[in-house]
mmCIF file of all heavy atoms, coordinates in Angstrom:
data_MODEL
# 
_entry.id   MODEL 
# 
loop_
_atom_site.group_PDB 
_atom_site.id 
_atom_site.type_symbol 
_atom_site.label_atom_id 
_atom_site.label_alt_id 
_atom_site.label_comp_id 
_atom_site.label_asym_id 
_atom_site.label_entity_id 
_atom_site.label_seq_id 
_atom_site.pdbx_PDB_ins_code 
_atom_site.Cartn_x 
_atom_site.Cartn_y 
_atom_site.Cartn_z 
_atom_site.occupancy 
_atom_site.B_iso_or_equiv 
_atom_site.pdbx_formal_charge 
_atom_site.auth_seq_id 
_atom_site.auth_comp_id 
_atom_site.auth_asym_id 
_atom_site.auth_atom_id 
_atom_site.pdbx_PDB_model_num 
ATOM 1   N N   . GLU A 1 1  ? -61.510 -58.035 0.640  1.00 0.00 ? 1  GLU A N   1 
ATOM 2   C CA  . GLU A 1 1  ? -60.098 -58.369 0.580  1.00 0.00 ? 1  GLU A CA  1 
ATOM 3   C C   . GLU A 1 1  ? -59.217 -57.282 1.188  1.00 0.00 ? 1  GLU A C   1 
ATOM 4   O O   . GLU A 1 1  ? -59.510 -56.094 1.083  1.00 0.00 ? 1  GLU A O   1 
ATOM 5   C CB  . GLU A 1 1  ? -59.684 -58.636 -0.869 1.00 0.00 ? 1  GLU A CB  1 
ATOM 6   C CG  . GLU A 1 1  ? -60.407 -59.836 -1.473 1.00 0.00 ? 1  GLU A CG  1 
ATOM 7   C CD  . GLU A 1 1  ? -59.932 -60.166 -2.872 1.00 0.00 ? 1  GLU A CD  1 
ATOM 8   O OE1 . GLU A 1 1  ? -59.247 -59.308 -3.485 1.00 0.00 ? 1  GLU A OE1 1 
ATOM 9   O OE2 . GLU A 1 1  ? -60.239 -61.267 -3.361 1.00 0.00 ? 1  GLU A OE2 1 
ATOM 10  N N   . TRP A 1 2  ? -58.134 -57.750 1.830  1.00 0.00 ? 2  TRP A N   1 
ATOM 11  C CA  . TRP A 1 2  ? -57.156 -56.864 2.441  1.00 0.00 ? 2  TRP A CA  1 
ATOM 12  C C   . TRP A 1 2  ? -55.843 -57.623 2.537  1.00 0.00 ? 2  TRP A C   1 
ATOM 13  O O   . TRP A 1 2  ? -55.814 -58.751 3.025  1.00 0.00 ? 2  TRP A O   1 
ATOM 14  C CB  . TRP A 1 2  ? -57.616 -56.408 3.823  1.00 0.00 ? 2  TRP A CB  1 
ATOM 15  C CG  . TRP A 1 2  ? -56.565 -55.703 4.627  1.00 0.00 ? 2  TRP A CG  1 
ATOM 16  C CD1 . TRP A 1 2  ? -55.912 -56.163 5.731  1.00 0.00 ? 2  TRP A CD1 1 
ATOM 17  C CD2 . TRP A 1 2  ? -56.037 -54.407 4.384  1.00 0.00 ? 2  TRP A CD2 1 
ATOM 18  N NE1 . TRP A 1 2  ? -55.017 -55.239 6.197  1.00 0.00 ? 2  TRP A NE1 1 
ATOM 19  C CE2 . TRP A 1 2  ? -55.068 -54.136 5.387  1.00 0.00 ? 2  TRP A CE2 1 
ATOM 20  C CE3 . TRP A 1 2  ? -56.291 -53.429 3.413  1.00 0.00 ? 2  TRP A CE3 1 
ATOM 21  C CZ2 . TRP A 1 2  ? -54.362 -52.950 5.440  1.00 0.00 ? 2  TRP A CZ2 1 
ATOM 22  C CZ3 . TRP A 1 2  ? -55.579 -52.239 3.468  1.00 0.00 ? 2  TRP A CZ3 1 
ATOM 23  C CH2 . TRP A 1 2  ? -54.629 -52.013 4.476  1.00 0.00 ? 2  TRP A CH2 1 
ATOM 24  N N   . LYS A 1 3  ? -54.776 -57.050 2.056  1.00 0.00 ? 3  LYS A N   1 
ATOM 25  C CA  . LYS A 1 3  ? -53.492 -57.737 2.055  1.00 0.00 ? 3  LYS A CA  1 
ATOM 26  C C   . LYS A 1 3  ? -52.846 -57.647 3.435  1.00 0.00 ? 3  LYS A C   1 
ATOM 27  O O   . LYS A 1 3  ? -52.074 -56.733 3.720  1.00 0.00 ? 3  LYS A O   1 
ATOM 28  C CB  . LYS A 1 3  ? -52.571 -57.138 0.992  1.00 0.00 ? 3  LYS A CB  1 
ATOM 29  C CG  . LYS A 1 3  ? -53.024 -57.427 -0.437 1.00 0.00 ? 3  LYS A CG  1 
ATOM 30  C CD  . LYS A 1 3  ? -52.040 -56.888 -1.455 1.00 0.00 ? 3  LYS A CD  1 
ATOM 31  C CE  . LYS A 1 3  ? -52.493 -57.209 -2.874 1.00 0.00 ? 3  LYS A CE  1 
ATOM 32  N NZ  . LYS A 1 3  ? -51.543 -56.695 -3.884 1.00 0.00 ? 3  LYS A NZ  1 
ATOM 33  N N   . GLY A 1 4  ? -53.196 -58.572 4.259  1.00 0.00 ? 4  GLY A N   1 
ATOM 34  C CA  . GLY A 1 4  ? -52.661 -58.625 5.607  1.00 0.00 ? 4  GLY A CA  1 
ATOM 35  C C   . GLY A 1 4  ? -53.296 -59.753 6.384  1.00 0.00 ? 4  GLY A C   1 
ATOM 36  O O   . GLY A 1 4  ? -54.314 -60.328 5.976  1.00 0.00 ? 4  GLY A O   1 
ATOM 37  N N   . SER A 1 5  ? -52.708 -60.096 7.525  1.00 0.00 ? 5  SER A N   1 
ATOM 38  C CA  . SER A 1 5  ? -53.205 -61.168 8.370  1.00 0.00 ? 5  SER A CA  1 
ATOM 39  C C   . SER A 1 5  ? -54.205 -60.589 9.370  1.00 0.00 ? 5  SER A C   1 
ATOM 40  O O   . SER A 1 5  ? -53.845 -59.777 10.223 1.00 0.00 ? 5  SER A O   1 
ATOM 41  C CB  . SER A 1 5  ? -52.042 -61.840 9.097  1.00 0.00 ? 5  SER A CB  1 
ATOM 42  O OG  . SER A 1 5  ? -52.504 -62.901 9.899  1.00 0.00 ? 5  SER A OG  1 
ATOM 43  N N   . LEU A 1 6  ? -55.467 -60.993 9.263  1.00 0.00 ? 6  LEU A N   1 
ATOM 44  C CA  . LEU A 1 6  ? -56.534 -60.471 10.111 1.00 0.00 ? 6  LEU A CA  1 
ATOM 45  C C   . LEU A 1 6  ? -56.648 -61.349 11.355 1.00 0.00 ? 6  LEU A C   1 
ATOM 46  O O   . LEU A 1 6  ? -56.831 -62.567 11.252 1.00 0.00 ? 6  LEU A O   1 
ATOM 47  C CB  . LEU A 1 6  ? -57.850 -60.441 9.343  1.00 0.00 ? 6  LEU A CB  1 
ATOM 48  C CG  . LEU A 1 6  ? -57.795 -59.645 8.028  1.00 0.00 ? 6  LEU A CG  1 
ATOM 49  C CD1 . LEU A 1 6  ? -59.115 -59.753 7.282  1.00 0.00 ? 6  LEU A CD1 1 
ATOM 50  C CD2 . LEU A 1 6  ? -57.420 -58.186 8.280  1.00 0.00 ? 6  LEU A CD2 1 
ATOM 51  N N   . VAL A 1 7  ? -56.537 -60.746 12.536 1.00 0.00 ? 7  VAL A N   1 
ATOM 52  C CA  . VAL A 1 7  ? -56.444 -61.520 13.776 1.00 0.00 ? 7  VAL A CA  1 
ATOM 53  C C   . VAL A 1 7  ? -57.662 -61.350 14.682 1.00 0.00 ? 7  VAL A C   1 
ATOM 54  O O   . VAL A 1 7  ? -57.802 -62.086 15.659 1.00 0.00 ? 7  VAL A O   1 
ATOM 55  C CB  . VAL A 1 7  ? -55.176 -61.131 14.558 1.00 0.00 ? 7  VAL A CB  1 
ATOM 56  C CG1 . VAL A 1 7  ? -53.932 -61.453 13.742 1.00 0.00 ? 7  VAL A CG1 1 
ATOM 57  C CG2 . VAL A 1 7  ? -55.179 -59.653 14.948 1.00 0.00 ? 7  VAL A CG2 1 
ATOM 58  N N   . SER A 1 8  ? -58.520 -60.382 14.397 1.00 0.00 ? 8  SER A N   1 
ATOM 59  C CA  . SER A 1 8  ? -59.721 -60.165 15.201 1.00 0.00 ? 8  SER A CA  1 
ATOM 60  C C   . SER A 1 8  ? -60.794 -59.584 14.307 1.00 0.00 ? 8  SER A C   1 
ATOM 61  O O   . SER A 1 8  ? -60.504 -59.037 13.233 1.00 0.00 ? 8  SER A O   1 
ATOM 62  C CB  . SER A 1 8  ? -59.436 -59.234 16.391 1.00 0.00 ? 8  SER A CB  1 
ATOM 63  O OG  . SER A 1 8  ? -58.955 -57.983 15.950 1.00 0.00 ? 8  SER A OG  1 
ATOM 64  N N   . MET A 1 9  ? -62.057 -59.685 14.747 1.00 0.00 ? 9  MET A N   1 
ATOM 65  C CA  . MET A 1 9  ? -63.160 -59.172 13.931 1.00 0.00 ? 9  MET A CA  1 
ATOM 66  C C   . MET A 1 9  ? -64.348 -58.847 14.817 1.00 0.00 ? 9  MET A C   1 
ATOM 67  O O   . MET A 1 9  ? -64.633 -59.552 15.787 1.00 0.00 ? 9  MET A O   1 
ATOM 68  C CB  . MET A 1 9  ? -63.560 -60.202 12.867 1.00 0.00 ? 9  MET A CB  1 
ATOM 69  C CG  . MET A 1 9  ? -64.734 -59.781 11.992 1.00 0.00 ? 9  MET A CG  1 
ATOM 70  S SD  . MET A 1 9  ? -64.990 -60.890 10.556 1.00 0.00 ? 9  MET A SD  1 
ATOM 71  C CE  . MET A 1 9  ? -65.309 -62.456 11.379 1.00 0.00 ? 9  MET A CE  1 
ATOM 72  N N   . ALA A 1 10 ? -65.055 -57.775 14.462 1.00 0.00 ? 10 ALA A N   1 
ATOM 73  C CA  . ALA A 1 10 ? -66.309 -57.426 15.116 1.00 0.00 ? 10 ALA A CA  1 
ATOM 74  C C   . ALA A 1 10 ? -67.261 -56.893 14.054 1.00 0.00 ? 10 ALA A C   1 
ATOM 75  O O   . ALA A 1 10 ? -66.847 -56.181 13.133 1.00 0.00 ? 10 ALA A O   1 
ATOM 76  C CB  . ALA A 1 10 ? -66.096 -56.372 16.201 1.00 0.00 ? 10 ALA A CB  1 
ATOM 77  N N   . LEU A 1 11 ? -68.540 -57.246 14.162 1.00 0.00 ? 11 LEU A N   1 
ATOM 78  C CA  . LEU A 1 11 ? -69.574 -56.797 13.241 1.00 0.00 ? 11 LEU A CA  1 
ATOM 79  C C   . LEU A 1 11 ? -70.520 -55.856 13.970 1.00 0.00 ? 11 LEU A C   1 
ATOM 80  O O   . LEU A 1 11 ? -70.857 -56.068 15.135 1.00 0.00 ? 11 LEU A O   1 
ATOM 81  C CB  . LEU A 1 11 ? -70.378 -57.977 12.690 1.00 0.00 ? 11 LEU A CB  1 
ATOM 82  C CG  . LEU A 1 11 ? -69.601 -59.133 12.054 1.00 0.00 ? 11 LEU A CG  1 
ATOM 83  C CD1 . LEU A 1 11 ? -70.579 -60.201 11.562 1.00 0.00 ? 11 LEU A CD1 1 
ATOM 84  C CD2 . LEU A 1 11 ? -68.727 -58.653 10.920 1.00 0.00 ? 11 LEU A CD2 1 
ATOM 85  N N   . SER A 1 12 ? -70.962 -54.811 13.271 1.00 0.00 ? 12 SER A N   1 
ATOM 86  C CA  . SER A 1 12 ? -71.975 -53.928 13.847 1.00 0.00 ? 12 SER A CA  1 
ATOM 87  C C   . SER A 1 12 ? -73.287 -54.682 13.981 1.00 0.00 ? 12 SER A C   1 
ATOM 88  O O   . SER A 1 12 ? -73.473 -55.759 13.396 1.00 0.00 ? 12 SER A O   1 
ATOM 89  C CB  . SER A 1 12 ? -72.158 -52.689 12.972 1.00 0.00 ? 12 SER A CB  1 
ATOM 90  O OG  . SER A 1 12 ? -72.604 -53.056 11.674 1.00 0.00 ? 12 SER A OG  1 
ATOM 91  N N   . ALA A 1 13 ? -74.218 -54.126 14.738 1.00 0.00 ? 13 ALA A N   1 
ATOM 92  C CA  . ALA A 1 13 ? -75.471 -54.816 15.029 1.00 0.00 ? 13 ALA A CA  1 
ATOM 93  C C   . ALA A 1 13 ? -76.242 -55.173 13.767 1.00 0.00 ? 13 ALA A C   1 
ATOM 94  O O   . ALA A 1 13 ? -76.877 -56.234 13.696 1.00 0.00 ? 13 ALA A O   1 
ATOM 95  C CB  . ALA A 1 13 ? -76.325 -53.952 15.946 1.00 0.00 ? 13 ALA A CB  1 
ATOM 96  N N   . ASP A 1 14 ? -76.209 -54.323 12.753 1.00 0.00 ? 14 ASP A N   1 
ATOM 97  C CA  . ASP A 1 14 ? -76.922 -54.616 11.512 1.00 0.00 ? 14 ASP A CA  1 
ATOM 98  C C   . ASP A 1 14 ? -76.091 -55.399 10.514 1.00 0.00 ? 14 ASP A C   1 
ATOM 99  O O   . ASP A 1 14 ? -76.570 -55.718 9.419  1.00 0.00 ? 14 ASP A O   1 
ATOM 100 C CB  . ASP A 1 14 ? -77.427 -53.324 10.866 1.00 0.00 ? 14 ASP A CB  1 
ATOM 101 C CG  . ASP A 1 14 ? -76.292 -52.361 10.496 1.00 0.00 ? 14 ASP A CG  1 
ATOM 102 O OD1 . ASP A 1 14 ? -75.102 -52.717 10.668 1.00 0.00 ? 14 ASP A OD1 1 
ATOM 103 O OD2 . ASP A 1 14 ? -76.600 -51.239 10.044 1.00 0.00 ? 14 ASP A OD2 1 
ATOM 104 N N   . GLY A 1 15 ? -74.861 -55.712 10.858 1.00 0.00 ? 15 GLY A N   1 
ATOM 105 C CA  . GLY A 1 15 ? -73.996 -56.492 9.983  1.00 0.00 ? 15 GLY A CA  1 
ATOM 106 C C   . GLY A 1 15 ? -73.374 -55.713 8.846  1.00 0.00 ? 15 GLY A C   1 
ATOM 107 O O   . GLY A 1 15 ? -72.641 -56.290 8.035  1.00 0.00 ? 15 GLY A O   1 
ATOM 108 N N   . ASP A 1 16 ? -73.603 -54.410 8.787  1.00 0.00 ? 16 ASP A N   1 
ATOM 109 C CA  . ASP A 1 16 ? -73.093 -53.646 7.649  1.00 0.00 ? 16 ASP A CA  1 
ATOM 110 C C   . ASP A 1 16 ? -71.622 -53.290 7.804  1.00 0.00 ? 16 ASP A C   1 
ATOM 111 O O   . ASP A 1 16 ? -70.878 -53.280 6.825  1.00 0.00 ? 16 ASP A O   1 
ATOM 112 C CB  . ASP A 1 16 ? -73.913 -52.359 7.465  1.00 0.00 ? 16 ASP A CB  1 
ATOM 113 C CG  . ASP A 1 16 ? -73.495 -51.579 6.239  1.00 0.00 ? 16 ASP A CG  1 
ATOM 114 O OD1 . ASP A 1 16 ? -73.384 -52.189 5.155  1.00 0.00 ? 16 ASP A OD1 1 
ATOM 115 O OD2 . ASP A 1 16 ? -73.246 -50.360 6.351  1.00 0.00 ? 16 ASP A OD2 1 
ATOM 116 N N   . ILE A 1 17 ? -71.183 -52.991 9.025  1.00 0.00 ? 17 ILE A N   1 
ATOM 117 C CA  . ILE A 1 17 ? -69.792 -52.588 9.249  1.00 0.00 ? 17 ILE A CA  1 
ATOM 118 C C   . ILE A 1 17 ? -69.001 -53.797 9.749  1.00 0.00 ? 17 ILE A C   1 
ATOM 119 O O   . ILE A 1 17 ? -69.403 -54.481 10.689 1.00 0.00 ? 17 ILE A O   1 
ATOM 120 C CB  . ILE A 1 17 ? -69.695 -51.444 10.265 1.00 0.00 ? 17 ILE A CB  1 
ATOM 121 C CG1 . ILE A 1 17 ? -70.514 -50.237 9.809  1.00 0.00 ? 17 ILE A CG1 1 
ATOM 122 C CG2 . ILE A 1 17 ? -68.236 -51.028 10.468 1.00 0.00 ? 17 ILE A CG2 1 
ATOM 123 C CD1 . ILE A 1 17 ? -70.665 -49.162 10.851 1.00 0.00 ? 17 ILE A CD1 1 
ATOM 124 N N   . VAL A 1 18 ? -67.878 -54.055 9.101  1.00 0.00 ? 18 VAL A N   1 
ATOM 125 C CA  . VAL A 1 18 ? -66.976 -55.144 9.481  1.00 0.00 ? 18 VAL A CA  1 
ATOM 126 C C   . VAL A 1 18 ? -65.653 -54.520 9.877  1.00 0.00 ? 18 VAL A C   1 
ATOM 127 O O   . VAL A 1 18 ? -65.027 -53.816 9.078  1.00 0.00 ? 18 VAL A O   1 
ATOM 128 C CB  . VAL A 1 18 ? -66.753 -56.118 8.312  1.00 0.00 ? 18 VAL A CB  1 
ATOM 129 C CG1 . VAL A 1 18 ? -65.914 -57.305 8.768  1.00 0.00 ? 18 VAL A CG1 1 
ATOM 130 C CG2 . VAL A 1 18 ? -68.075 -56.576 7.727  1.00 0.00 ? 18 VAL A CG2 1 
ATOM 131 N N   . ALA A 1 19 ? -65.214 -54.745 11.096 1.00 0.00 ? 19 ALA A N   1 
ATOM 132 C CA  . ALA A 1 19 ? -63.938 -54.214 11.571 1.00 0.00 ? 19 ALA A CA  1 
ATOM 133 C C   . ALA A 1 19 ? -63.019 -55.376 11.910 1.00 0.00 ? 19 ALA A C   1 
ATOM 134 O O   . ALA A 1 19 ? -63.446 -56.348 12.542 1.00 0.00 ? 19 ALA A O   1 
ATOM 135 C CB  . ALA A 1 19 ? -64.139 -53.332 12.798 1.00 0.00 ? 19 ALA A CB  1 
ATOM 136 N N   . CYS A 1 20 ? -61.761 -55.272 11.493 1.00 0.00 ? 20 CYS A N   1 
ATOM 137 C CA  . CYS A 1 20 ? -60.779 -56.329 11.750 1.00 0.00 ? 20 CYS A CA  1 
ATOM 138 C C   . CYS A 1 20 ? -59.474 -55.731 12.238 1.00 0.00 ? 20 CYS A C   1 
ATOM 139 O O   . CYS A 1 20 ? -58.975 -54.755 11.668 1.00 0.00 ? 20 CYS A O   1 
ATOM 140 C CB  . CYS A 1 20 ? -60.502 -57.134 10.482 1.00 0.00 ? 20 CYS A CB  1 
ATOM 141 S SG  . CYS A 1 20 ? -61.843 -58.223 9.973  1.00 0.00 ? 20 CYS A SG  1 
ATOM 142 N N   . GLY A 1 21 ? -58.909 -56.323 13.275 1.00 0.00 ? 21 GLY A N   1 
ATOM 143 C CA  . GLY A 1 21 ? -57.560 -56.005 13.689 1.00 0.00 ? 21 GLY A CA  1 
ATOM 144 C C   . GLY A 1 21 ? -56.585 -56.801 12.856 1.00 0.00 ? 21 GLY A C   1 
ATOM 145 O O   . GLY A 1 21 ? -56.826 -57.970 12.531 1.00 0.00 ? 21 GLY A O   1 
ATOM 146 N N   . SER A 1 22 ? -55.465 -56.186 12.491 1.00 0.00 ? 22 SER A N   1 
ATOM 147 C CA  . SER A 1 22 ? -54.507 -56.815 11.597 1.00 0.00 ? 22 SER A CA  1 
ATOM 148 C C   . SER A 1 22 ? -53.151 -56.992 12.275 1.00 0.00 ? 22 SER A C   1 
ATOM 149 O O   . SER A 1 22 ? -52.792 -56.258 13.200 1.00 0.00 ? 22 SER A O   1 
ATOM 150 C CB  . SER A 1 22 ? -54.339 -55.972 10.324 1.00 0.00 ? 22 SER A CB  1 
ATOM 151 O OG  . SER A 1 22 ? -53.412 -56.559 9.434  1.00 0.00 ? 22 SER A OG  1 
ATOM 152 N N   . GLN A 1 23 ? -52.405 -57.971 11.787 1.00 0.00 ? 23 GLN A N   1 
ATOM 153 C CA  . GLN A 1 23 ? -51.075 -58.255 12.301 1.00 0.00 ? 23 GLN A CA  1 
ATOM 154 C C   . GLN A 1 23 ? -50.128 -57.071 12.149 1.00 0.00 ? 23 GLN A C   1 
ATOM 155 O O   . GLN A 1 23 ? -49.146 -56.945 12.876 1.00 0.00 ? 23 GLN A O   1 
ATOM 156 C CB  . GLN A 1 23 ? -50.500 -59.476 11.563 1.00 0.00 ? 23 GLN A CB  1 
ATOM 157 C CG  . GLN A 1 23 ? -49.201 -60.023 12.121 1.00 0.00 ? 23 GLN A CG  1 
ATOM 158 C CD  . GLN A 1 23 ? -49.400 -60.831 13.377 1.00 0.00 ? 23 GLN A CD  1 
ATOM 159 O OE1 . GLN A 1 23 ? -50.434 -61.472 13.563 1.00 0.00 ? 23 GLN A OE1 1 
ATOM 160 N NE2 . GLN A 1 23 ? -48.415 -60.823 14.273 1.00 0.00 ? 23 GLN A NE2 1 
ATOM 161 N N   . ASP A 1 24 ? -50.446 -56.165 11.206 1.00 0.00 ? 24 ASP A N   1 
ATOM 162 C CA  . ASP A 1 24 ? -49.569 -55.010 10.964 1.00 0.00 ? 24 ASP A CA  1 
ATOM 163 C C   . ASP A 1 24 ? -49.908 -53.817 11.861 1.00 0.00 ? 24 ASP A C   1 
ATOM 164 O O   . ASP A 1 24 ? -49.564 -52.669 11.547 1.00 0.00 ? 24 ASP A O   1 
ATOM 165 C CB  . ASP A 1 24 ? -49.613 -54.591 9.489  1.00 0.00 ? 24 ASP A CB  1 
ATOM 166 C CG  . ASP A 1 24 ? -51.000 -54.127 9.042  1.00 0.00 ? 24 ASP A CG  1 
ATOM 167 O OD1 . ASP A 1 24 ? -51.921 -54.078 9.884  1.00 0.00 ? 24 ASP A OD1 1 
ATOM 168 O OD2 . ASP A 1 24 ? -51.164 -53.819 7.845  1.00 0.00 ? 24 ASP A OD2 1 
ATOM 169 N N   . ASN A 1 25 ? -50.606 -54.077 12.985 1.00 0.00 ? 25 ASN A N   1 
ATOM 170 C CA  . ASN A 1 25 ? -50.914 -53.042 13.987 1.00 0.00 ? 25 ASN A CA  1 
ATOM 171 C C   . ASN A 1 25 ? -51.870 -51.981 13.451 1.00 0.00 ? 25 ASN A C   1 
ATOM 172 O O   . ASN A 1 25 ? -51.739 -50.788 13.767 1.00 0.00 ? 25 ASN A O   1 
ATOM 173 C CB  . ASN A 1 25 ? -49.640 -52.379 14.519 1.00 0.00 ? 25 ASN A CB  1 
ATOM 174 C CG  . ASN A 1 25 ? -48.730 -53.347 15.231 1.00 0.00 ? 25 ASN A CG  1 
ATOM 175 O OD1 . ASN A 1 25 ? -49.040 -54.525 15.369 1.00 0.00 ? 25 ASN A OD1 1 
ATOM 176 N ND2 . ASN A 1 25 ? -47.586 -52.866 15.688 1.00 0.00 ? 25 ASN A ND2 1 
ATOM 177 N N   . THR A 1 26 ? -52.842 -52.401 12.646 1.00 0.00 ? 26 THR A N   1 
ATOM 178 C CA  . THR A 1 26 ? -53.878 -51.497 12.154 1.00 0.00 ? 26 THR A CA  1 
ATOM 179 C C   . THR A 1 26 ? -55.248 -52.121 12.403 1.00 0.00 ? 26 THR A C   1 
ATOM 180 O O   . THR A 1 26 ? -55.369 -53.316 12.679 1.00 0.00 ? 26 THR A O   1 
ATOM 181 C CB  . THR A 1 26 ? -53.729 -51.224 10.646 1.00 0.00 ? 26 THR A CB  1 
ATOM 182 O OG1 . THR A 1 26 ? -53.947 -52.446 9.921  1.00 0.00 ? 26 THR A OG1 1 
ATOM 183 C CG2 . THR A 1 26 ? -52.362 -50.658 10.314 1.00 0.00 ? 26 THR A CG2 1 
# 
């Protein structure tokens, strides 16, 4: 969970790391 609008996502090769770009420029 994260209080914000998630607009992009990428997963590491093993699926452990989840990265998301947010509408709030983070």
